[in-house]
PDB file of N, CA and C in Angstrom:
ATOM      1  N   MET A   1      48.964 -58.355 113.880  1.00  0.00           N
ATOM      2  CA  MET A   1      49.020 -59.748 113.491  1.00  0.00           C
ATOM      3  C   MET A   1      50.348 -60.343 113.953  1.00  0.00           C
ATOM      4  N   VAL A   2      50.323 -61.586 114.389  1.00  0.00           N
ATOM      5  CA  VAL A   2      51.531 -62.273 114.845  1.00  0.00           C
ATOM      6  C   VAL A   2      51.763 -63.503 113.972  1.00  0.00           C
ATOM      7  N   GLU A   3      52.981 -63.650 113.504  1.00  0.00           N
ATOM      8  CA  GLU A   3      53.405 -64.851 112.770  1.00  0.00           C
ATOM      9  C   GLU A   3      54.328 -65.627 113.687  1.00  0.00           C
ATOM     10  N   TRP A   4      53.919 -66.846 114.089  1.00  0.00           N
ATOM     11  CA  TRP A   4      54.746 -67.662 114.967  1.00  0.00           C
ATOM     12  C   TRP A   4      55.651 -68.564 114.139  1.00  0.00           C
ATOM     13  N   SER A   5      56.921 -68.662 114.512  1.00  0.00           N
ATOM     14  CA  SER A   5      57.843 -69.568 113.830  1.00  0.00           C
ATOM     15  C   SER A   5      58.087 -70.835 114.647  1.00  0.00           C
ATOM     16  N   GLN A   6      57.544 -70.885 115.865  1.00  0.00           N
ATOM     17  CA  GLN A   6      57.630 -72.077 116.711  1.00  0.00           C
ATOM     18  C   GLN A   6      56.204 -72.515 117.049  1.00  0.00           C
ATOM     19  N   LYS A   7      56.048 -73.807 117.329  1.00  0.00           N
ATOM     20  CA  LYS A   7      54.734 -74.327 117.703  1.00  0.00           C
ATOM     21  C   LYS A   7      54.626 -74.420 119.224  1.00  0.00           C
ATOM     22  N   ASP A   8      53.407 -74.495 119.715  1.00  0.00           N
ATOM     23  CA  ASP A   8      53.158 -74.678 121.138  1.00  0.00           C
ATOM     24  C   ASP A   8      53.851 -75.956 121.599  1.00  0.00           C
ATOM     25  N   GLY A   9      54.636 -75.846 122.657  1.00  0.00           N
ATOM     26  CA  GLY A   9      55.346 -77.003 123.195  1.00  0.00           C
ATOM     27  C   GLY A   9      56.775 -77.139 122.711  1.00  0.00           C
ATOM     28  N   ASP A  10      57.172 -76.387 121.683  1.00  0.00           N
ATOM     29  CA  ASP A  10      58.557 -76.441 121.204  1.00  0.00           C
ATOM     30  C   ASP A  10      59.497 -75.845 122.245  1.00  0.00           C
ATOM     31  N   TYR A  11      60.708 -76.369 122.310  1.00  0.00           N
ATOM     32  CA  TYR A  11      61.729 -75.839 123.205  1.00  0.00           C
ATOM     33  C   TYR A  11      62.252 -74.527 122.628  1.00  0.00           C
ATOM     34  N   VAL A  12      62.341 -73.504 123.448  1.00  0.00           N
ATOM     35  CA  VAL A  12      62.913 -72.225 123.033  1.00  0.00           C
ATOM     36  C   VAL A  12      64.066 -71.880 123.963  1.00  0.00           C
ATOM     37  N   HIS A  13      64.987 -71.090 123.486  1.00  0.00           N
ATOM     38  CA  HIS A  13      66.154 -70.708 124.278  1.00  0.00           C
ATOM     39  C   HIS A  13      66.417 -69.221 124.106  1.00  0.00           C
ATOM     40  N   LYS A  14      67.250 -68.711 124.965  1.00  0.00           N
ATOM     41  CA  LYS A  14      67.589 -67.289 124.943  1.00  0.00           C
ATOM     42  C   LYS A  14      68.107 -66.899 123.560  1.00  0.00           C
ATOM     43  N   GLY A  15      67.592 -65.813 123.032  1.00  0.00           N
ATOM     44  CA  GLY A  15      68.039 -65.296 121.745  1.00  0.00           C
ATOM     45  C   GLY A  15      67.267 -65.821 120.547  1.00  0.00           C
ATOM     46  N   LEU A  16      66.392 -66.803 120.750  1.00  0.00           N
ATOM     47  CA  LEU A  16      65.630 -67.380 119.641  1.00  0.00           C
ATOM     48  C   LEU A  16      64.499 -66.437 119.230  1.00  0.00           C
ATOM     49  N   ASN A  17      64.401 -66.136 117.951  1.00  0.00           N
ATOM     50  CA  ASN A  17      63.266 -65.385 117.419  1.00  0.00           C
ATOM     51  C   ASN A  17      62.163 -66.391 117.135  1.00  0.00           C
ATOM     52  N   PHE A  18      61.047 -66.277 117.840  1.00  0.00           N
ATOM     53  CA  PHE A  18      59.988 -67.270 117.673  1.00  0.00           C
ATOM     54  C   PHE A  18      58.720 -66.692 117.068  1.00  0.00           C
ATOM     55  N   GLY A  19      58.760 -65.423 116.684  1.00  0.00           N
ATOM     56  CA  GLY A  19      57.606 -64.832 116.031  1.00  0.00           C
ATOM     57  C   GLY A  19      57.875 -63.413 115.569  1.00  0.00           C
ATOM     58  N   LYS A  20      56.983 -62.923 114.718  1.00  0.00           N
ATOM     59  CA  LYS A  20      57.062 -61.549 114.228  1.00  0.00           C
ATOM     60  C   LYS A  20      55.706 -60.898 114.416  1.00  0.00           C
ATOM     61  N   VAL A  21      55.744 -59.624 114.777  1.00  0.00           N
ATOM     62  CA  VAL A  21      54.517 -58.850 114.973  1.00  0.00           C
ATOM     63  C   VAL A  21      54.402 -57.834 113.847  1.00  0.00           C
ATOM     64  N   HIS A  22      53.220 -57.769 113.250  1.00  0.00           N
ATOM     65  CA  HIS A  22      52.955 -56.812 112.182  1.00  0.00           C
ATOM     66  C   HIS A  22      51.755 -55.956 112.583  1.00  0.00           C
ATOM     67  N   GLY A  23      51.806 -54.690 112.252  1.00  0.00           N
ATOM     68  CA  GLY A  23      50.680 -53.815 112.536  1.00  0.00           C
ATOM     69  C   GLY A  23      51.131 -52.383 112.699  1.00  0.00           C
ATOM     70  N   ARG A  24      50.214 -51.537 113.139  1.00  0.00           N
ATOM     71  CA  ARG A  24      50.532 -50.136 113.372  1.00  0.00           C
ATOM     72  C   ARG A  24      51.434 -50.027 114.600  1.00  0.00           C
ATOM     73  N   ALA A  25      52.467 -49.212 114.505  1.00  0.00           N
ATOM     74  CA  ALA A  25      53.430 -49.058 115.588  1.00  0.00           C
ATOM     75  C   ALA A  25      52.745 -48.665 116.894  1.00  0.00           C
ATOM     76  N   HIS A  26      51.786 -47.771 116.823  1.00  0.00           N
ATOM     77  CA  HIS A  26      51.073 -47.320 118.023  1.00  0.00           C
ATOM     78  C   HIS A  26      50.413 -48.492 118.747  1.00  0.00           C
ATOM     79  N   ASN A  27      49.731 -49.356 118.011  1.00  0.00           N
ATOM     80  CA  ASN A  27      49.050 -50.506 118.612  1.00  0.00           C
ATOM     81  C   ASN A  27      50.039 -51.524 119.167  1.00  0.00           C
ATOM     82  N   ILE A  28      51.138 -51.732 118.472  1.00  0.00           N
ATOM     83  CA  ILE A  28      52.153 -52.688 118.932  1.00  0.00           C
ATOM     84  C   ILE A  28      52.769 -52.203 120.237  1.00  0.00           C
ATOM     85  N   VAL A  29      53.177 -50.941 120.277  1.00  0.00           N
ATOM     86  CA  VAL A  29      53.816 -50.391 121.479  1.00  0.00           C
ATOM     87  C   VAL A  29      52.839 -50.397 122.656  1.00  0.00           C
ATOM     88  N   ARG A  30      51.591 -50.120 122.399  1.00  0.00           N
ATOM     89  CA  ARG A  30      50.583 -50.083 123.460  1.00  0.00           C
ATOM     90  C   ARG A  30      50.379 -51.465 124.101  1.00  0.00           C
ATOM     91  N   ALA A  31      50.447 -52.515 123.311  1.00  0.00           N
ATOM     92  CA  ALA A  31      50.217 -53.873 123.820  1.00  0.00           C
ATOM     93  C   ALA A  31      51.495 -54.574 124.267  1.00  0.00           C
ATOM     94  N   GLU A  32      52.645 -54.041 123.903  1.00  0.00           N
ATOM     95  CA  GLU A  32      53.922 -54.728 124.124  1.00  0.00           C
ATOM     96  C   GLU A  32      54.158 -55.116 125.581  1.00  0.00           C
ATOM     97  N   ARG A  33      54.014 -54.198 126.510  1.00  0.00           N
ATOM     98  CA  ARG A  33      54.332 -54.469 127.919  1.00  0.00           C
ATOM     99  C   ARG A  33      53.445 -55.550 128.499  1.00  0.00           C
ATOM    100  N   VAL A  34      52.156 -55.515 128.190  1.00  0.00           N
ATOM    101  CA  VAL A  34      51.234 -56.531 128.699  1.00  0.00           C
ATOM    102  C   VAL A  34      51.608 -57.903 128.157  1.00  0.00           C
ATOM    103  N   VAL A  35      51.876 -57.975 126.869  1.00  0.00           N
ATOM    104  CA  VAL A  35      52.244 -59.246 126.241  1.00  0.00           C
ATOM    105  C   VAL A  35      53.552 -59.779 126.826  1.00  0.00           C
ATOM    106  N   LEU A  36      54.549 -58.921 126.977  1.00  0.00           N
ATOM    107  CA  LEU A  36      55.825 -59.364 127.546  1.00  0.00           C
ATOM    108  C   LEU A  36      55.661 -59.848 128.984  1.00  0.00           C
ATOM    109  N   ASN A  37      54.851 -59.172 129.781  1.00  0.00           N
ATOM    110  CA  ASN A  37      54.614 -59.608 131.155  1.00  0.00           C
ATOM    111  C   ASN A  37      53.974 -60.993 131.198  1.00  0.00           C
ATOM    112  N   PHE A  38      52.969 -61.229 130.358  1.00  0.00           N
ATOM    113  CA  PHE A  38      52.339 -62.547 130.298  1.00  0.00           C
ATOM    114  C   PHE A  38      53.327 -63.618 129.853  1.00  0.00           C
ATOM    115  N   MET A  39      54.117 -63.305 128.837  1.00  0.00           N
ATOM    116  CA  MET A  39      55.079 -64.296 128.338  1.00  0.00           C
ATOM    117  C   MET A  39      56.123 -64.630 129.400  1.00  0.00           C
ATOM    118  N   GLN A  40      56.577 -63.644 130.159  1.00  0.00           N
ATOM    119  CA  GLN A  40      57.542 -63.896 131.220  1.00  0.00           C
ATOM    120  C   GLN A  40      56.907 -64.730 132.327  1.00  0.00           C
ATOM    121  N   TRP A  41      55.677 -64.422 132.699  1.00  0.00           N
ATOM    122  CA  TRP A  41      54.964 -65.177 133.724  1.00  0.00           C
ATOM    123  C   TRP A  41      54.818 -66.639 133.292  1.00  0.00           C
ATOM    124  N   MET A  42      54.340 -66.846 132.071  1.00  0.00           N
ATOM    125  CA  MET A  42      54.128 -68.206 131.574  1.00  0.00           C
ATOM    126  C   MET A  42      55.448 -68.948 131.387  1.00  0.00           C
ATOM    127  N   GLY A  43      56.476 -68.243 130.911  1.00  0.00           N
ATOM    128  CA  GLY A  43      57.784 -68.869 130.725  1.00  0.00           C
ATOM    129  C   GLY A  43      58.386 -69.320 132.041  1.00  0.00           C
ATOM    130  N   GLY A  44      58.204 -68.534 133.104  1.00  0.00           N
ATOM    131  CA  GLY A  44      58.709 -68.913 134.418  1.00  0.00           C
ATOM    132  C   GLY A  44      58.034 -70.164 134.942  1.00  0.00           C
ATOM    133  N   ILE A  45      56.713 -70.246 134.794  1.00  0.00           N
ATOM    134  CA  ILE A  45      55.980 -71.433 135.230  1.00  0.00           C
ATOM    135  C   ILE A  45      56.426 -72.651 134.433  1.00  0.00           C
ATOM    136  N   THR A  46      56.541 -72.485 133.129  1.00  0.00           N
ATOM    137  CA  THR A  46      56.943 -73.594 132.267  1.00  0.00           C
ATOM    138  C   THR A  46      58.339 -74.087 132.607  1.00  0.00           C
ATOM    139  N   THR A  47      59.270 -73.171 132.823  1.00  0.00           N
ATOM    140  CA  THR A  47      60.649 -73.541 133.141  1.00  0.00           C
ATOM    141  C   THR A  47      60.718 -74.317 134.454  1.00  0.00           C
ATOM    142  N   GLN A  48      60.017 -73.826 135.477  1.00  0.00           N
ATOM    143  CA  GLN A  48      60.031 -74.509 136.773  1.00  0.00           C
ATOM    144  C   GLN A  48      59.344 -75.873 136.696  1.00  0.00           C
ATOM    145  N   THR A  49      58.242 -75.964 135.958  1.00  0.00           N
ATOM    146  CA  THR A  49      57.536 -77.238 135.801  1.00  0.00           C
ATOM    147  C   THR A  49      58.419 -78.254 135.099  1.00  0.00           C
ATOM    148  N   LYS A  50      59.106 -77.833 134.047  1.00  0.00           N
ATOM    149  CA  LYS A  50      60.002 -78.737 133.308  1.00  0.00           C
ATOM    150  C   LYS A  50      61.133 -79.233 134.202  1.00  0.00           C
ATOM    151  N   ALA A  51      61.714 -78.333 135.011  1.00  0.00           N
ATOM    152  CA  ALA A  51      62.799 -78.722 135.922  1.00  0.00           C
ATOM    153  C   ALA A  51      62.304 -79.742 136.946  1.00  0.00           C
ATOM    154  N   MET A  52      61.112 -79.515 137.509  1.00  0.00           N
ATOM    155  CA  MET A  52      60.564 -80.457 138.489  1.00  0.00           C
ATOM    156  C   MET A  52      60.218 -81.796 137.843  1.00  0.00           C
ATOM    157  N   ALA A  53      59.659 -81.743 136.638  1.00  0.00           N
ATOM    158  CA  ALA A  53      59.306 -82.982 135.936  1.00  0.00           C
ATOM    159  C   ALA A  53      60.558 -83.790 135.614  1.00  0.00           C
ATOM    160  N   ASN A  54      61.629 -83.128 135.198  1.00  0.00           N
ATOM    161  CA  ASN A  54      62.887 -83.832 134.920  1.00  0.00           C
ATOM    162  C   ASN A  54      63.463 -84.444 136.191  1.00  0.00           C
ATOM    163  N   ALA A  55      63.404 -83.705 137.306  1.00  0.00           N
ATOM    164  CA  ALA A  55      63.946 -84.200 138.570  1.00  0.00           C
ATOM    165  C   ALA A  55      63.132 -85.371 139.113  1.00  0.00           C
ATOM    166  N   ALA A  56      61.838 -85.391 138.839  1.00  0.00           N
ATOM    167  CA  ALA A  56      60.960 -86.431 139.380  1.00  0.00           C
ATOM    168  C   ALA A  56      60.850 -87.655 138.473  1.00  0.00           C
ATOM    169  N   HIS A  57      61.426 -87.605 137.308  1.00  0.00           N
ATOM    170  CA  HIS A  57      61.306 -88.705 136.339  1.00  0.00           C
ATOM    171  C   HIS A  57      61.710 -90.024 136.985  1.00  0.00           C
ATOM    172  N   PRO A  58      60.970 -91.082 136.849  1.00  0.00           N
ATOM    173  CA  PRO A  58      59.870 -91.363 135.923  1.00  0.00           C
ATOM    174  C   PRO A  58      58.486 -90.996 136.457  1.00  0.00           C
ATOM    175  N   ALA A  59      58.395 -90.402 137.629  1.00  0.00           N
ATOM    176  CA  ALA A  59      57.085 -89.972 138.134  1.00  0.00           C
ATOM    177  C   ALA A  59      56.542 -88.858 137.246  1.00  0.00           C
ATOM    178  N   LEU A  60      55.243 -88.661 137.262  1.00  0.00           N
ATOM    179  CA  LEU A  60      54.608 -87.617 136.469  1.00  0.00           C
ATOM    180  C   LEU A  60      54.225 -86.443 137.360  1.00  0.00           C
ATOM    181  N   ILE A  61      54.300 -85.240 136.820  1.00  0.00           N
ATOM    182  CA  ILE A  61      53.908 -84.028 137.530  1.00  0.00           C
ATOM    183  C   ILE A  61      52.604 -83.518 136.901  1.00  0.00           C
ATOM    184  N   PHE A  62      51.614 -83.237 137.745  1.00  0.00           N
ATOM    185  CA  PHE A  62      50.350 -82.676 137.284  1.00  0.00           C
ATOM    186  C   PHE A  62      50.185 -81.289 137.880  1.00  0.00           C
ATOM    187  N   GLU A  63      49.369 -80.446 137.231  1.00  0.00           N
ATOM    188  CA  GLU A  63      49.180 -79.086 137.732  1.00  0.00           C
ATOM    189  C   GLU A  63      48.450 -79.110 139.065  1.00  0.00           C
ATOM    190  N   THR A  64      48.601 -78.039 139.788  1.00  0.00           N
ATOM    191  CA  THR A  64      47.992 -77.899 141.105  1.00  0.00           C
ATOM    192  C   THR A  64      46.851 -76.892 141.053  1.00  0.00           C
ATOM    193  N   THR A  65      46.094 -76.835 142.097  1.00  0.00           N
ATOM    194  CA  THR A  65      45.029 -75.834 142.171  1.00  0.00           C
ATOM    195  C   THR A  65      45.556 -74.520 142.723  1.00  0.00           C
ATOM    196  N   LYS A  66      46.810 -74.471 143.138  1.00  0.00           N
ATOM    197  CA  LYS A  66      47.390 -73.244 143.690  1.00  0.00           C
ATOM    198  C   LYS A  66      47.877 -72.377 142.534  1.00  0.00           C
ATOM    199  N   THR A  67      47.014 -71.493 142.089  1.00  0.00           N
ATOM    200  CA  THR A  67      47.313 -70.625 140.960  1.00  0.00           C
ATOM    201  C   THR A  67      46.973 -69.187 141.325  1.00  0.00           C
ATOM    202  N   ALA A  68      47.420 -68.264 140.508  1.00  0.00           N
ATOM    203  CA  ALA A  68      47.064 -66.855 140.696  1.00  0.00           C
ATOM    204  C   ALA A  68      45.577 -66.694 140.386  1.00  0.00           C
ATOM    205  N   PRO A  69      44.799 -66.057 141.258  1.00  0.00           N
ATOM    206  CA  PRO A  69      43.343 -66.002 141.089  1.00  0.00           C
ATOM    207  C   PRO A  69      42.856 -65.545 139.719  1.00  0.00           C
ATOM    208  N   VAL A  70      43.382 -64.479 139.187  1.00  0.00           N
ATOM    209  CA  VAL A  70      42.899 -63.966 137.906  1.00  0.00           C
ATOM    210  C   VAL A  70      43.496 -64.740 136.733  1.00  0.00           C
ATOM    211  N   LEU A  71      44.641 -65.363 136.945  1.00  0.00           N
ATOM    212  CA  LEU A  71      45.360 -66.053 135.866  1.00  0.00           C
ATOM    213  C   LEU A  71      45.218 -67.567 135.940  1.00  0.00           C
ATOM    214  N   ARG A  72      44.201 -68.066 136.607  1.00  0.00           N
ATOM    215  CA  ARG A  72      44.054 -69.505 136.850  1.00  0.00           C
ATOM    216  C   ARG A  72      44.118 -70.329 135.557  1.00  0.00           C
ATOM    217  N   LEU A  73      43.365 -69.942 134.534  1.00  0.00           N
ATOM    218  CA  LEU A  73      43.362 -70.716 133.285  1.00  0.00           C
ATOM    219  C   LEU A  73      44.711 -70.648 132.574  1.00  0.00           C
ATOM    220  N   VAL A  74      45.331 -69.477 132.587  1.00  0.00           N
ATOM    221  CA  VAL A  74      46.647 -69.316 131.952  1.00  0.00           C
ATOM    222  C   VAL A  74      47.677 -70.181 132.675  1.00  0.00           C
ATOM    223  N   ASP A  75      47.669 -70.146 134.008  1.00  0.00           N
ATOM    224  CA  ASP A  75      48.623 -70.929 134.789  1.00  0.00           C
ATOM    225  C   ASP A  75      48.491 -72.418 134.499  1.00  0.00           C
ATOM    226  N   LYS A  76      47.264 -72.921 134.413  1.00  0.00           N
ATOM    227  CA  LYS A  76      47.059 -74.331 134.130  1.00  0.00           C
ATOM    228  C   LYS A  76      47.430 -74.678 132.689  1.00  0.00           C
ATOM    229  N   TRP A  77      47.199 -73.757 131.770  1.00  0.00           N
ATOM    230  CA  TRP A  77      47.496 -74.004 130.358  1.00  0.00           C
ATOM    231  C   TRP A  77      49.004 -74.184 130.125  1.00  0.00           C
ATOM    232  N   VAL A  78      49.839 -73.402 130.800  1.00  0.00           N
ATOM    233  CA  VAL A  78      51.273 -73.465 130.540  1.00  0.00           C
ATOM    234  C   VAL A  78      51.943 -74.676 131.138  1.00  0.00           C
ATOM    235  N   VAL A  79      51.272 -75.355 132.074  1.00  0.00           N
ATOM    236  CA  VAL A  79      51.834 -76.568 132.649  1.00  0.00           C
ATOM    237  C   VAL A  79      51.691 -77.666 131.616  1.00  0.00           C
TER     238      VAL A  79
END
């Protein structure tokens, strides 16, 4: 089980605790690497999108169709 302390769209920074994971240690450790990889992938897209949107202001930035084939929905969601 995951308890989130931040909402979707909130600004996060290095060192911020934004959630807690509860459960059996075996299950947590088994899923940890996959979850961290996804979070890093999504965080990178979000960071770059925010930087481009700030640089282009007042123009708007929309997502593109150039996404990772298997992660297409995830890539579009994080924009």
